[in-house]
Amino acid sequence: MSPRPRRSYDQYCSAARALDAVGDRWTLLIVRELLAGPRRYTDLHADLPGVSTDVLASRLKDMEREGLTTRRRLPPPGAAYVYELTERGSELLPVLEALGAWGARELGERRPTDAVRAHWSALPLRRALREAGAGEGVVEVRLEEGTFHLCAGDGADGPVYGDGPAPGEPDARLVMDAGTCASVCRGELSLRDAVHEGRVDVAGEGTAAKALREA
């Protein structure tokens, strides 16, 4: 079965060309998930509630054709296929961060039908850490929905974030409730103010932790 023909806006415009590659529904959210590093198809499907298996498979094929992702087989004992971003795909990080900042005002209160994953807060919290002057380092975040870690600053070499605790001792460990996290992600509350008001508990002796505890 031959691949479906590439759809195009047929406009000589860089924005139109970009949307030819990433404008399909789900594509940028797949990029969001792959910023955490290589993921199996089943992992992607679990963390993209609402996407059908056919659409996910189609988008992944399109993204590979566009040079945004690659697919490789893990060595034994894993022996599973994983998808990961190429260098070109990873260049979409600032695009997603800018889009998230623009869309923050649209969040409002969480609706009963809204799915949630703890790591979906990683990119907004990276922005909040940057605004707080937290510098670079690994930050572990503990929420009611789960724990994840992220690389603050612009020097991330590898995955931008990941599920679960940090692989080593983090530069800072943040604990907050869902309401506080949502307020920070919406831009209604700065992370520094949340710390000073006692709504975020900060542990650690790294640069990020010290910056957040400064008066």
Foldseek 3Di string as FASTA:
>chain_A
DDQDDQDFPPDPDPVRVVCSQQVDPPRVVLLVVQLQPWDALVVSPVVDPPDDSVVSVNSLVSNVVVQQKDWDADDPPRRGIIIHGDPVNVVCLVVVLVVLLVCLQVCPDDDPPDDDAVCVLLSLVLVLLVVLVLAWWKEWEQEPRAIKIATHDDPDDGRGIHGDGDPDDTQKYKYAYPVVSSCSSSVVDRLLVCVVVVRIDIDHNHSNSVSSPDD
